[in-house]
Amino acid sequence: MQTEEEYSRIWNAHQGIAVRMARYYAGAETEPSDLVQEIAIQVWRALPGFRGEAQLSTWFYRVAPNTCLSHRRRKKNATLPLTALPEKAIDEAARIDQQSLLREIFRVAETFKPADKSLLLLLLEDLSYEEMAAITGMSVNHVGVRINRIRNKLKSIFSDGN
């Protein structure tokens, strides 16, 4: 049985993941804060089933996007916003350039299969192939192949000026 303290510790350590996922997956009809609340509830519900076979962050990376995807299916919201933006910019100009690039990447990602969209998000989170494999259930080699294809597709699109 879980305690509120255990849940609070886990949530405080990983809530940044929930916020980023919610920003990425929130649609026009959904506020990211609503998705963060849904993720928080789902983490609470799913925590007793956490068996410790993977790292807690890996488990959290599975719960958060699955919750967002379930929400999208329920709302039948097929669009993703372009608001999952990094906060690490050195100065405002660099931050704006980075935001513009990410918006364009997310626009293009709308044409990707759901699994490739998820891999792209995990890549943007700077996770290793091993971590991505643990989260998605794919083999490390399969993750590598798909990431390579995603990168090539993005290079092709951006080098064509689209």
C-alpha atoms as a PDB file:
ATOM      1  CA  MET A   1       0.000   0.000   0.000  1.00  0.00           C
ATOM      2  CA  GLN A   2       1.340   3.399  -0.962  1.00  0.00           C
ATOM      3  CA  THR A   3       1.534   6.393   1.288  1.00  0.00           C
ATOM      4  CA  GLU A   4       0.909  10.019   0.462  1.00  0.00           C
ATOM      5  CA  GLU A   5       4.540  10.742   1.356  1.00  0.00           C
ATOM      6  CA  GLU A   6       5.800   8.125  -1.097  1.00  0.00           C
ATOM      7  CA  TYR A   7       3.526   9.494  -3.818  1.00  0.00           C
ATOM      8  CA  SER A   8       4.588  13.088  -3.077  1.00  0.00           C
ATOM      9  CA  ARG A   9       8.252  12.142  -3.273  1.00  0.00           C
ATOM     10  CA  ILE A  10       7.774  10.417  -6.623  1.00  0.00           C
ATOM     11  CA  TRP A  11       5.571  13.189  -8.019  1.00  0.00           C
ATOM     12  CA  ASN A  12       7.960  15.945  -6.943  1.00  0.00           C
ATOM     13  CA  ALA A  13      10.897  14.141  -8.541  1.00  0.00           C
ATOM     14  CA  HIS A  14       9.105  13.516 -11.851  1.00  0.00           C
ATOM     15  CA  GLN A  15       6.458  16.211 -12.285  1.00  0.00           C
ATOM     16  CA  GLY A  16       8.616  17.976 -14.886  1.00  0.00           C
ATOM     17  CA  ILE A  17       8.059  14.979 -17.163  1.00  0.00           C
ATOM     18  CA  ALA A  18       4.305  15.318 -16.676  1.00  0.00           C
ATOM     19  CA  VAL A  19       4.387  19.025 -17.494  1.00  0.00           C
ATOM     20  CA  ARG A  20       6.422  18.507 -20.669  1.00  0.00           C
ATOM     21  CA  MET A  21       4.208  15.630 -21.814  1.00  0.00           C
ATOM     22  CA  ALA A  22       1.060  17.638 -21.117  1.00  0.00           C
ATOM     23  CA  ARG A  23       2.381  20.609 -23.098  1.00  0.00           C
ATOM     24  CA  TYR A  24       3.194  18.341 -26.001  1.00  0.00           C
ATOM     25  CA  TYR A  25      -0.034  16.345 -26.046  1.00  0.00           C
ATOM     26  CA  ALA A  26      -2.585  18.997 -25.057  1.00  0.00           C
ATOM     27  CA  GLY A  27      -4.950  19.770 -27.911  1.00  0.00           C
ATOM     28  CA  ALA A  28      -6.904  22.881 -28.764  1.00  0.00           C
ATOM     29  CA  GLU A  29      -9.699  21.806 -26.409  1.00  0.00           C
ATOM     30  CA  THR A  30      -7.448  20.803 -23.515  1.00  0.00           C
ATOM     31  CA  GLU A  31      -5.378  22.884 -21.158  1.00  0.00           C
ATOM     32  CA  PRO A  32      -1.974  21.370 -20.306  1.00  0.00           C
ATOM     33  CA  SER A  33      -2.785  21.832 -16.610  1.00  0.00           C
ATOM     34  CA  ASP A  34      -5.794  19.520 -17.026  1.00  0.00           C
ATOM     35  CA  LEU A  35      -3.547  16.839 -18.493  1.00  0.00           C
ATOM     36  CA  VAL A  36      -1.025  17.303 -15.679  1.00  0.00           C
ATOM     37  CA  GLN A  37      -3.838  16.650 -13.211  1.00  0.00           C
ATOM     38  CA  GLU A  38      -4.898  13.536 -15.133  1.00  0.00           C
ATOM     39  CA  ILE A  39      -1.302  12.297 -15.114  1.00  0.00           C
ATOM     40  CA  ALA A  40      -1.084  12.940 -11.370  1.00  0.00           C
ATOM     41  CA  ILE A  41      -4.248  10.915 -10.791  1.00  0.00           C
ATOM     42  CA  GLN A  42      -3.076   8.100 -13.042  1.00  0.00           C
ATOM     43  CA  VAL A  43       0.314   7.969 -11.320  1.00  0.00           C
ATOM     44  CA  TRP A  44      -1.500   7.667  -7.980  1.00  0.00           C
ATOM     45  CA  ARG A  45      -3.703   4.866  -9.339  1.00  0.00           C
ATOM     46  CA  ALA A  46      -0.867   3.024 -11.088  1.00  0.00           C
ATOM     47  CA  LEU A  47       1.733   3.323  -8.325  1.00  0.00           C
ATOM     48  CA  PRO A  48       0.612   0.190  -6.444  1.00  0.00           C
ATOM     49  CA  GLY A  49       1.256  -1.779  -9.639  1.00  0.00           C
ATOM     50  CA  PHE A  50       4.833  -0.531  -9.973  1.00  0.00           C
ATOM     51  CA  ARG A  51       6.937  -3.660  -9.526  1.00  0.00           C
ATOM     52  CA  GLY A  52      10.361  -2.042  -9.552  1.00  0.00           C
ATOM     53  CA  GLU A  53      11.466  -4.003 -12.627  1.00  0.00           C
ATOM     54  CA  ALA A  54      12.397  -0.731 -14.344  1.00  0.00           C
ATOM     55  CA  GLN A  55      13.604   2.588 -13.050  1.00  0.00           C
ATOM     56  CA  LEU A  56      10.891   4.798 -11.633  1.00  0.00           C
ATOM     57  CA  SER A  57      11.569   7.441 -14.300  1.00  0.00           C
ATOM     58  CA  THR A  58      11.113   4.826 -17.040  1.00  0.00           C
ATOM     59  CA  TRP A  59       7.799   3.787 -15.527  1.00  0.00           C
ATOM     60  CA  PHE A  60       6.768   7.445 -15.250  1.00  0.00           C
ATOM     61  CA  TYR A  61       7.643   7.978 -18.932  1.00  0.00           C
ATOM     62  CA  ARG A  62       5.203   5.187 -19.757  1.00  0.00           C
ATOM     63  CA  VAL A  63       2.364   6.375 -17.529  1.00  0.00           C
ATOM     64  CA  ALA A  64       2.501  10.047 -18.579  1.00  0.00           C
ATOM     65  CA  PRO A  65       2.249   9.706 -22.377  1.00  0.00           C
ATOM     66  CA  ASN A  66      -0.203   6.808 -22.112  1.00  0.00           C
ATOM     67  CA  THR A  67      -2.447   9.002 -19.977  1.00  0.00           C
ATOM     68  CA  CYS A  68      -2.188  11.832 -22.504  1.00  0.00           C
ATOM     69  CA  LEU A  69      -2.911   9.526 -25.423  1.00  0.00           C
ATOM     70  CA  SER A  70      -5.928   8.073 -23.609  1.00  0.00           C
ATOM     71  CA  HIS A  71      -7.177  11.591 -22.977  1.00  0.00           C
ATOM     72  CA  ARG A  72      -6.764  12.484 -26.647  1.00  0.00           C
ATOM     73  CA  ARG A  73      -8.658   9.383 -27.730  1.00  0.00           C
ATOM     74  CA  ARG A  74     -11.485  10.222 -25.354  1.00  0.00           C
ATOM     75  CA  LYS A  75     -11.650  13.799 -26.591  1.00  0.00           C
ATOM     76  CA  LYS A  76     -11.109  12.752 -30.225  1.00  0.00           C
ATOM     77  CA  ASN A  77      -8.647  15.593 -30.471  1.00  0.00           C
ATOM     78  CA  ALA A  78      -6.330  14.949 -33.410  1.00  0.00           C
ATOM     79  CA  THR A  79      -4.097  18.003 -33.168  1.00  0.00           C
ATOM     80  CA  LEU A  80      -1.086  18.635 -30.992  1.00  0.00           C
ATOM     81  CA  PRO A  81      -0.054  22.116 -29.973  1.00  0.00           C
ATOM     82  CA  LEU A  82       3.356  23.458 -30.593  1.00  0.00           C
ATOM     83  CA  THR A  83       4.013  24.490 -27.021  1.00  0.00           C
ATOM     84  CA  ALA A  84       6.435  21.869 -25.701  1.00  0.00           C
ATOM     85  CA  LEU A  85       9.295  24.285 -25.610  1.00  0.00           C
ATOM     86  CA  PRO A  86      12.658  24.027 -23.859  1.00  0.00           C
ATOM     87  CA  GLU A  87      13.446  26.340 -20.965  1.00  0.00           C
ATOM     88  CA  LYS A  88      17.244  26.072 -21.229  1.00  0.00           C
ATOM     89  CA  ALA A  89      17.947  28.884 -23.691  1.00  0.00           C
ATOM     90  CA  ILE A  90      21.007  30.992 -22.972  1.00  0.00           C
ATOM     91  CA  ASP A  91      19.407  34.241 -24.083  1.00  0.00           C
ATOM     92  CA  GLU A  92      16.024  35.338 -25.408  1.00  0.00           C
ATOM     93  CA  ALA A  93      17.076  35.343 -29.073  1.00  0.00           C
ATOM     94  CA  ALA A  94      18.406  31.806 -28.877  1.00  0.00           C
ATOM     95  CA  ARG A  95      15.271  30.736 -27.031  1.00  0.00           C
ATOM     96  CA  ILE A  96      13.021  32.202 -29.707  1.00  0.00           C
ATOM     97  CA  ASP A  97      15.019  30.504 -32.470  1.00  0.00           C
ATOM     98  CA  GLN A  98      14.839  27.204 -30.624  1.00  0.00           C
ATOM     99  CA  GLN A  99      11.091  27.602 -30.068  1.00  0.00           C
ATOM    100  CA  SER A 100      10.546  28.313 -33.746  1.00  0.00           C
ATOM    101  CA  LEU A 101      12.512  25.234 -34.708  1.00  0.00           C
ATOM    102  CA  LEU A 102      10.604  23.049 -32.252  1.00  0.00           C
ATOM    103  CA  ARG A 103       7.273  24.407 -33.474  1.00  0.00           C
ATOM    104  CA  GLU A 104       8.256  23.467 -36.999  1.00  0.00           C
ATOM    105  CA  ILE A 105       9.454  20.023 -35.896  1.00  0.00           C
ATOM    106  CA  PHE A 106       6.170  19.408 -34.047  1.00  0.00           C
ATOM    107  CA  ARG A 107       4.198  20.602 -37.091  1.00  0.00           C
ATOM    108  CA  VAL A 108       6.029  18.078 -39.257  1.00  0.00           C
ATOM    109  CA  ALA A 109       5.661  15.382 -36.579  1.00  0.00           C
ATOM    110  CA  GLU A 110       1.889  15.577 -37.037  1.00  0.00           C
ATOM    111  CA  THR A 111       2.416  13.438 -40.148  1.00  0.00           C
ATOM    112  CA  PHE A 112       4.315  10.747 -38.194  1.00  0.00           C
ATOM    113  CA  LYS A 113       2.889   7.514 -36.858  1.00  0.00           C
ATOM    114  CA  PRO A 114       2.061   7.699 -33.113  1.00  0.00           C
ATOM    115  CA  ALA A 115       5.048   5.513 -32.177  1.00  0.00           C
ATOM    116  CA  ASP A 116       7.397   7.784 -34.121  1.00  0.00           C
ATOM    117  CA  LYS A 117       5.893  10.882 -32.489  1.00  0.00           C
ATOM    118  CA  SER A 118       6.551   9.300 -29.099  1.00  0.00           C
ATOM    119  CA  LEU A 119      10.132   8.449 -30.046  1.00  0.00           C
ATOM    120  CA  LEU A 120      10.691  12.001 -31.275  1.00  0.00           C
ATOM    121  CA  LEU A 121       9.453  13.380 -27.957  1.00  0.00           C
ATOM    122  CA  LEU A 122      11.716  11.008 -26.025  1.00  0.00           C
ATOM    123  CA  LEU A 123      14.616  12.031 -28.277  1.00  0.00           C
ATOM    124  CA  LEU A 124      13.885  15.683 -27.505  1.00  0.00           C
ATOM    125  CA  GLU A 125      13.911  14.726 -23.816  1.00  0.00           C
ATOM    126  CA  ASP A 126      17.519  13.594 -24.451  1.00  0.00           C
ATOM    127  CA  LEU A 127      16.934  10.008 -23.366  1.00  0.00           C
ATOM    128  CA  SER A 128      19.299   7.234 -24.389  1.00  0.00           C
ATOM    129  CA  TYR A 129      18.226   4.522 -26.818  1.00  0.00           C
ATOM    130  CA  GLU A 130      18.232   2.102 -23.896  1.00  0.00           C
ATOM    131  CA  GLU A 131      15.838   4.301 -21.936  1.00  0.00           C
ATOM    132  CA  MET A 132      13.613   4.729 -24.997  1.00  0.00           C
ATOM    133  CA  ALA A 133      13.576   0.966 -25.511  1.00  0.00           C
ATOM    134  CA  ALA A 134      12.560   0.384 -21.895  1.00  0.00           C
ATOM    135  CA  ILE A 135       9.765   2.955 -22.178  1.00  0.00           C
ATOM    136  CA  THR A 136       8.386   1.844 -25.547  1.00  0.00           C
ATOM    137  CA  GLY A 137       8.955  -1.892 -25.260  1.00  0.00           C
ATOM    138  CA  MET A 138      10.991  -1.898 -28.491  1.00  0.00           C
ATOM    139  CA  SER A 139      14.448  -3.369 -28.769  1.00  0.00           C
ATOM    140  CA  VAL A 140      17.374  -0.939 -28.583  1.00  0.00           C
ATOM    141  CA  ASN A 141      18.210  -1.750 -32.206  1.00  0.00           C
ATOM    142  CA  HIS A 142      14.647  -1.065 -33.328  1.00  0.00           C
ATOM    143  CA  VAL A 143      14.688   2.263 -31.490  1.00  0.00           C
ATOM    144  CA  GLY A 144      17.950   3.132 -33.250  1.00  0.00           C
ATOM    145  CA  VAL A 145      16.554   2.270 -36.668  1.00  0.00           C
ATOM    146  CA  ARG A 146      13.378   4.283 -36.103  1.00  0.00           C
ATOM    147  CA  ILE A 147      15.260   7.273 -34.694  1.00  0.00           C
ATOM    148  CA  ASN A 148      17.573   7.184 -37.706  1.00  0.00           C
ATOM    149  CA  ARG A 149      14.542   7.171 -40.026  1.00  0.00           C
ATOM    150  CA  ILE A 150      12.949  10.040 -38.099  1.00  0.00           C
ATOM    151  CA  ARG A 151      16.146  12.082 -38.328  1.00  0.00           C
ATOM    152  CA  ASN A 152      16.475  11.375 -42.044  1.00  0.00           C
ATOM    153  CA  LYS A 153      12.852  12.342 -42.632  1.00  0.00           C
ATOM    154  CA  LEU A 154      13.335  15.601 -40.718  1.00  0.00           C
ATOM    155  CA  LYS A 155      16.567  16.356 -42.596  1.00  0.00           C
ATOM    156  CA  SER A 156      14.850  15.700 -45.899  1.00  0.00           C
ATOM    157  CA  ILE A 157      11.895  17.929 -45.067  1.00  0.00           C
ATOM    158  CA  PHE A 158      13.980  20.777 -43.697  1.00  0.00           C
ATOM    159  CA  SER A 159      16.589  20.644 -46.462  1.00  0.00           C
ATOM    160  CA  ASP A 160      13.746  20.923 -49.036  1.00  0.00           C
ATOM    161  CA  GLY A 161      12.616  24.122 -47.323  1.00  0.00           C
ATOM    162  CA  ASN A 162       9.180  22.853 -46.309  1.00  0.00           C
END
